[in-house]
Amino acid sequence: MTETADLTATEALAAIRAGRLTARDYRDACLDRIAAREGTIRAFAWFDPDAVRRSACVDGPLAGMPVGVKDVIDTADLPSQYGSPIWAGHRPRSDA
């Protein structure tokens, strides 16, 4: 059986739309996977699971899919470090 966090976005969306999975359960499975692996993989310059939970959207074409944003794109509510330690903690004034 496939773990929830192993579903592709297309598979997860189909399961959510069919009522076999909730967007909240998918989000939580993804957050659990990130928490378990991030110390080794180090994919995120900034990771705030509480912010993910607060901002989750279940409407629209992505229907609650968690999305990571590369830190070279300005986001007003998260640091954008542009992949460089000289920008560590930089908070843009607005979204790109």
N, C-alpha and C. Protein backbone atom coordinates (compact mmCIF):
# COMPACT_ATOMS: atom_id res chain seq x y z
N MET A 1 0.83 -1.18 0.00
CA MET A 1 0.00 0.00 0.00
C MET A 1 0.87 1.25 0.00
N THR A 2 0.50 2.25 -0.76
CA THR A 2 1.25 3.49 -0.86
C THR A 2 1.01 4.36 0.36
N GLU A 3 2.09 4.90 0.91
CA GLU A 3 1.98 5.86 2.00
C GLU A 3 1.37 7.14 1.46
N THR A 4 0.60 7.82 2.28
CA THR A 4 -0.07 9.05 1.84
C THR A 4 0.92 10.06 1.30
N ALA A 5 2.05 10.23 1.97
CA ALA A 5 3.04 11.22 1.53
C ALA A 5 3.74 10.82 0.23
N ASP A 6 3.58 9.56 -0.21
CA ASP A 6 4.19 9.10 -1.46
C ASP A 6 3.31 9.36 -2.67
N LEU A 7 2.07 9.78 -2.44
CA LEU A 7 1.18 10.05 -3.56
C LEU A 7 1.70 11.23 -4.38
N THR A 8 1.55 11.14 -5.69
CA THR A 8 1.85 12.30 -6.51
C THR A 8 0.74 13.33 -6.29
N ALA A 9 0.98 14.56 -6.72
CA ALA A 9 -0.05 15.60 -6.58
C ALA A 9 -1.32 15.19 -7.32
N THR A 10 -1.16 14.60 -8.50
CA THR A 10 -2.32 14.16 -9.27
C THR A 10 -3.10 13.08 -8.55
N GLU A 11 -2.39 12.11 -7.97
CA GLU A 11 -3.05 11.04 -7.22
C GLU A 11 -3.75 11.59 -5.98
N ALA A 12 -3.06 12.48 -5.27
CA ALA A 12 -3.65 13.06 -4.06
C ALA A 12 -4.89 13.88 -4.39
N LEU A 13 -4.82 14.70 -5.43
CA LEU A 13 -5.99 15.49 -5.83
C LEU A 13 -7.16 14.60 -6.20
N ALA A 14 -6.90 13.53 -6.93
CA ALA A 14 -7.97 12.60 -7.31
C ALA A 14 -8.59 11.97 -6.07
N ALA A 15 -7.76 11.57 -5.10
CA ALA A 15 -8.27 10.96 -3.87
C ALA A 15 -9.07 11.96 -3.05
N ILE A 16 -8.62 13.21 -3.01
CA ILE A 16 -9.34 14.26 -2.28
C ILE A 16 -10.69 14.51 -2.93
N ARG A 17 -10.68 14.65 -4.23
CA ARG A 17 -11.93 14.93 -4.96
C ARG A 17 -12.91 13.77 -4.87
N ALA A 18 -12.39 12.55 -4.74
CA ALA A 18 -13.25 11.37 -4.62
C ALA A 18 -13.68 11.11 -3.18
N GLY A 19 -13.17 11.89 -2.25
CA GLY A 19 -13.55 11.73 -0.86
C GLY A 19 -12.81 10.61 -0.12
N ARG A 20 -11.76 10.06 -0.73
CA ARG A 20 -10.98 9.00 -0.09
C ARG A 20 -9.87 9.55 0.81
N LEU A 21 -9.60 10.85 0.69
CA LEU A 21 -8.52 11.50 1.42
C LEU A 21 -8.93 12.94 1.66
N THR A 22 -8.56 13.49 2.80
CA THR A 22 -8.82 14.92 3.02
C THR A 22 -7.54 15.70 2.75
N ALA A 23 -7.71 16.94 2.35
CA ALA A 23 -6.55 17.81 2.12
C ALA A 23 -5.75 17.94 3.41
N ARG A 24 -6.43 17.99 4.54
CA ARG A 24 -5.74 18.10 5.84
C ARG A 24 -4.88 16.86 6.10
N ASP A 25 -5.40 15.68 5.84
CA ASP A 25 -4.62 14.45 6.06
C ASP A 25 -3.41 14.39 5.13
N TYR A 26 -3.59 14.82 3.88
CA TYR A 26 -2.47 14.82 2.94
C TYR A 26 -1.41 15.81 3.40
N ARG A 27 -1.84 17.02 3.77
CA ARG A 27 -0.92 18.04 4.26
C ARG A 27 -0.13 17.52 5.46
N ASP A 28 -0.85 16.92 6.41
CA ASP A 28 -0.18 16.43 7.62
C ASP A 28 0.80 15.30 7.32
N ALA A 29 0.46 14.43 6.38
CA ALA A 29 1.38 13.36 5.98
C ALA A 29 2.64 13.94 5.35
N CYS A 30 2.46 14.97 4.53
CA CYS A 30 3.62 15.62 3.91
C CYS A 30 4.47 16.32 4.97
N LEU A 31 3.84 17.01 5.91
CA LEU A 31 4.58 17.68 6.98
C LEU A 31 5.33 16.67 7.84
N ASP A 32 4.70 15.54 8.13
CA ASP A 32 5.37 14.50 8.91
C ASP A 32 6.60 13.97 8.17
N ARG A 33 6.47 13.77 6.86
CA ARG A 33 7.59 13.27 6.06
C ARG A 33 8.73 14.30 6.06
N ILE A 34 8.38 15.56 5.88
CA ILE A 34 9.42 16.60 5.89
C ILE A 34 10.12 16.62 7.24
N ALA A 35 9.36 16.58 8.33
CA ALA A 35 9.95 16.60 9.66
C ALA A 35 10.90 15.41 9.87
N ALA A 36 10.53 14.27 9.33
CA ALA A 36 11.36 13.07 9.50
C ALA A 36 12.63 13.11 8.66
N ARG A 37 12.59 13.77 7.52
CA ARG A 37 13.72 13.70 6.57
C ARG A 37 14.53 14.99 6.44
N GLU A 38 13.98 16.12 6.86
CA GLU A 38 14.64 17.40 6.59
C GLU A 38 16.03 17.50 7.21
N GLY A 39 16.24 16.91 8.37
CA GLY A 39 17.57 16.97 8.99
C GLY A 39 18.66 16.36 8.13
N THR A 40 18.30 15.38 7.31
CA THR A 40 19.25 14.73 6.41
C THR A 40 19.28 15.41 5.05
N ILE A 41 18.11 15.68 4.51
CA ILE A 41 18.03 16.20 3.14
C ILE A 41 18.36 17.69 3.07
N ARG A 42 17.89 18.45 4.05
CA ARG A 42 18.13 19.89 4.11
C ARG A 42 17.67 20.61 2.85
N ALA A 43 16.44 20.37 2.46
CA ALA A 43 15.88 20.96 1.25
C ALA A 43 15.34 22.37 1.48
N PHE A 44 15.05 22.71 2.72
CA PHE A 44 14.39 23.97 3.00
C PHE A 44 15.31 24.95 3.72
N ALA A 45 15.36 26.18 3.23
CA ALA A 45 16.08 27.24 3.93
C ALA A 45 15.25 27.71 5.12
N TRP A 46 13.94 27.61 4.99
CA TRP A 46 13.01 28.02 6.04
C TRP A 46 11.83 27.07 6.00
N PHE A 47 11.47 26.53 7.14
CA PHE A 47 10.36 25.60 7.20
C PHE A 47 9.55 25.89 8.45
N ASP A 48 8.29 26.24 8.27
CA ASP A 48 7.42 26.58 9.39
C ASP A 48 6.11 25.80 9.26
N PRO A 49 6.05 24.60 9.84
CA PRO A 49 4.85 23.79 9.69
C PRO A 49 3.59 24.45 10.23
N ASP A 50 3.73 25.27 11.28
CA ASP A 50 2.55 25.97 11.81
C ASP A 50 2.00 26.96 10.80
N ALA A 51 2.88 27.63 10.05
CA ALA A 51 2.43 28.55 9.00
C ALA A 51 1.71 27.79 7.90
N VAL A 52 2.21 26.59 7.60
CA VAL A 52 1.55 25.76 6.58
C VAL A 52 0.14 25.42 7.04
N ARG A 53 0.02 25.03 8.28
CA ARG A 53 -1.31 24.68 8.81
C ARG A 53 -2.25 25.87 8.83
N ARG A 54 -1.75 27.05 9.17
CA ARG A 54 -2.59 28.25 9.22
C ARG A 54 -3.03 28.72 7.83
N SER A 55 -2.18 28.52 6.84
CA SER A 55 -2.47 29.08 5.52
C SER A 55 -3.04 28.08 4.53
N ALA A 56 -3.30 26.87 4.96
CA ALA A 56 -3.80 25.85 4.04
C ALA A 56 -5.08 26.29 3.35
N CYS A 57 -5.12 26.11 2.06
CA CYS A 57 -6.28 26.48 1.25
C CYS A 57 -6.84 25.21 0.62
N VAL A 58 -8.13 25.03 0.74
CA VAL A 58 -8.73 23.83 0.16
C VAL A 58 -9.55 24.14 -1.08
N ASP A 59 -9.53 25.39 -1.53
CA ASP A 59 -10.25 25.78 -2.74
C ASP A 59 -9.28 25.99 -3.89
N GLY A 60 -9.79 25.98 -5.10
CA GLY A 60 -8.98 26.26 -6.27
C GLY A 60 -8.37 25.01 -6.87
N PRO A 61 -7.59 25.18 -7.92
CA PRO A 61 -7.07 24.04 -8.67
C PRO A 61 -6.08 23.18 -7.90
N LEU A 62 -5.42 23.73 -6.90
CA LEU A 62 -4.46 22.92 -6.13
C LEU A 62 -5.09 22.31 -4.89
N ALA A 63 -6.30 22.68 -4.54
CA ALA A 63 -7.13 22.04 -3.52
C ALA A 63 -6.38 21.55 -2.28
N GLY A 64 -5.56 22.40 -1.70
CA GLY A 64 -4.89 22.03 -0.47
C GLY A 64 -3.54 21.36 -0.63
N MET A 65 -3.01 21.29 -1.86
CA MET A 65 -1.69 20.70 -2.06
C MET A 65 -0.63 21.57 -1.40
N PRO A 66 0.23 20.97 -0.58
CA PRO A 66 1.33 21.75 -0.02
C PRO A 66 2.31 22.12 -1.13
N VAL A 67 2.82 23.33 -1.08
CA VAL A 67 3.73 23.82 -2.11
C VAL A 67 4.94 24.46 -1.45
N GLY A 68 6.12 24.08 -1.89
CA GLY A 68 7.35 24.72 -1.42
C GLY A 68 7.73 25.81 -2.41
N VAL A 69 8.27 26.90 -1.90
CA VAL A 69 8.68 28.02 -2.74
C VAL A 69 10.19 28.18 -2.63
N LYS A 70 10.86 28.16 -3.77
CA LYS A 70 12.32 28.33 -3.79
C LYS A 70 12.67 29.66 -3.16
N ASP A 71 13.73 29.69 -2.38
CA ASP A 71 14.02 30.91 -1.64
C ASP A 71 14.67 32.02 -2.48
N VAL A 72 14.62 31.91 -3.79
CA VAL A 72 15.05 33.01 -4.65
C VAL A 72 13.84 33.84 -5.10
N ILE A 73 12.65 33.44 -4.66
CA ILE A 73 11.42 34.16 -4.99
C ILE A 73 10.97 34.90 -3.74
N ASP A 74 10.81 36.21 -3.85
CA ASP A 74 10.41 37.02 -2.70
C ASP A 74 9.03 36.62 -2.18
N THR A 75 8.97 36.38 -0.89
CA THR A 75 7.72 36.10 -0.20
C THR A 75 7.71 36.97 1.06
N ALA A 76 6.68 37.80 1.20
CA ALA A 76 6.63 38.75 2.31
C ALA A 76 6.51 38.07 3.66
N ASP A 77 5.92 36.88 3.70
CA ASP A 77 5.69 36.24 4.99
C ASP A 77 6.74 35.20 5.38
N LEU A 78 7.76 35.01 4.53
CA LEU A 78 8.85 34.08 4.83
C LEU A 78 10.17 34.70 4.39
N PRO A 79 11.28 34.31 5.01
CA PRO A 79 12.57 34.82 4.54
C PRO A 79 12.86 34.35 3.12
N SER A 80 13.50 35.21 2.36
CA SER A 80 14.00 34.86 1.02
C SER A 80 15.50 35.09 1.07
N GLN A 81 16.26 34.01 1.02
CA GLN A 81 17.70 34.10 1.23
C GLN A 81 18.51 33.98 -0.05
N TYR A 82 17.85 33.75 -1.16
CA TYR A 82 18.50 33.71 -2.46
C TYR A 82 19.65 32.72 -2.54
N GLY A 83 19.61 31.69 -1.70
CA GLY A 83 20.65 30.67 -1.71
C GLY A 83 22.00 31.15 -1.22
N SER A 84 22.03 32.25 -0.49
CA SER A 84 23.30 32.82 -0.05
C SER A 84 23.27 33.16 1.43
N PRO A 85 24.32 32.84 2.15
CA PRO A 85 24.35 33.15 3.58
C PRO A 85 24.34 34.66 3.86
N ILE A 86 24.74 35.49 2.91
CA ILE A 86 24.73 36.94 3.18
C ILE A 86 23.31 37.49 3.25
N TRP A 87 22.34 36.73 2.76
CA TRP A 87 20.93 37.14 2.81
C TRP A 87 20.15 36.39 3.90
N ALA A 88 20.83 35.67 4.77
CA ALA A 88 20.17 34.88 5.80
C ALA A 88 19.18 35.73 6.60
N GLY A 89 17.94 35.27 6.66
CA GLY A 89 16.91 35.95 7.43
C GLY A 89 16.27 37.15 6.75
N HIS A 90 16.67 37.46 5.52
CA HIS A 90 16.12 38.61 4.80
C HIS A 90 14.62 38.45 4.60
N ARG A 91 13.84 39.47 4.96
CA ARG A 91 12.39 39.45 4.80
C ARG A 91 11.99 40.49 3.76
N PRO A 92 11.62 40.07 2.55
CA PRO A 92 11.17 41.02 1.54
C PRO A 92 9.94 41.78 2.00
N ARG A 93 9.74 42.95 1.48
CA ARG A 93 8.56 43.76 1.85
C ARG A 93 7.29 43.29 1.18
N SER A 94 7.43 42.58 0.05
CA SER A 94 6.24 42.14 -0.69
C SER A 94 6.54 40.83 -1.40
N ASP A 95 5.47 40.22 -1.88
CA ASP A 95 5.61 38.99 -2.67
C ASP A 95 6.06 39.33 -4.08
N ALA A 96 6.78 38.42 -4.70
CA ALA A 96 7.20 38.60 -6.09
C ALA A 96 5.99 38.55 -7.00
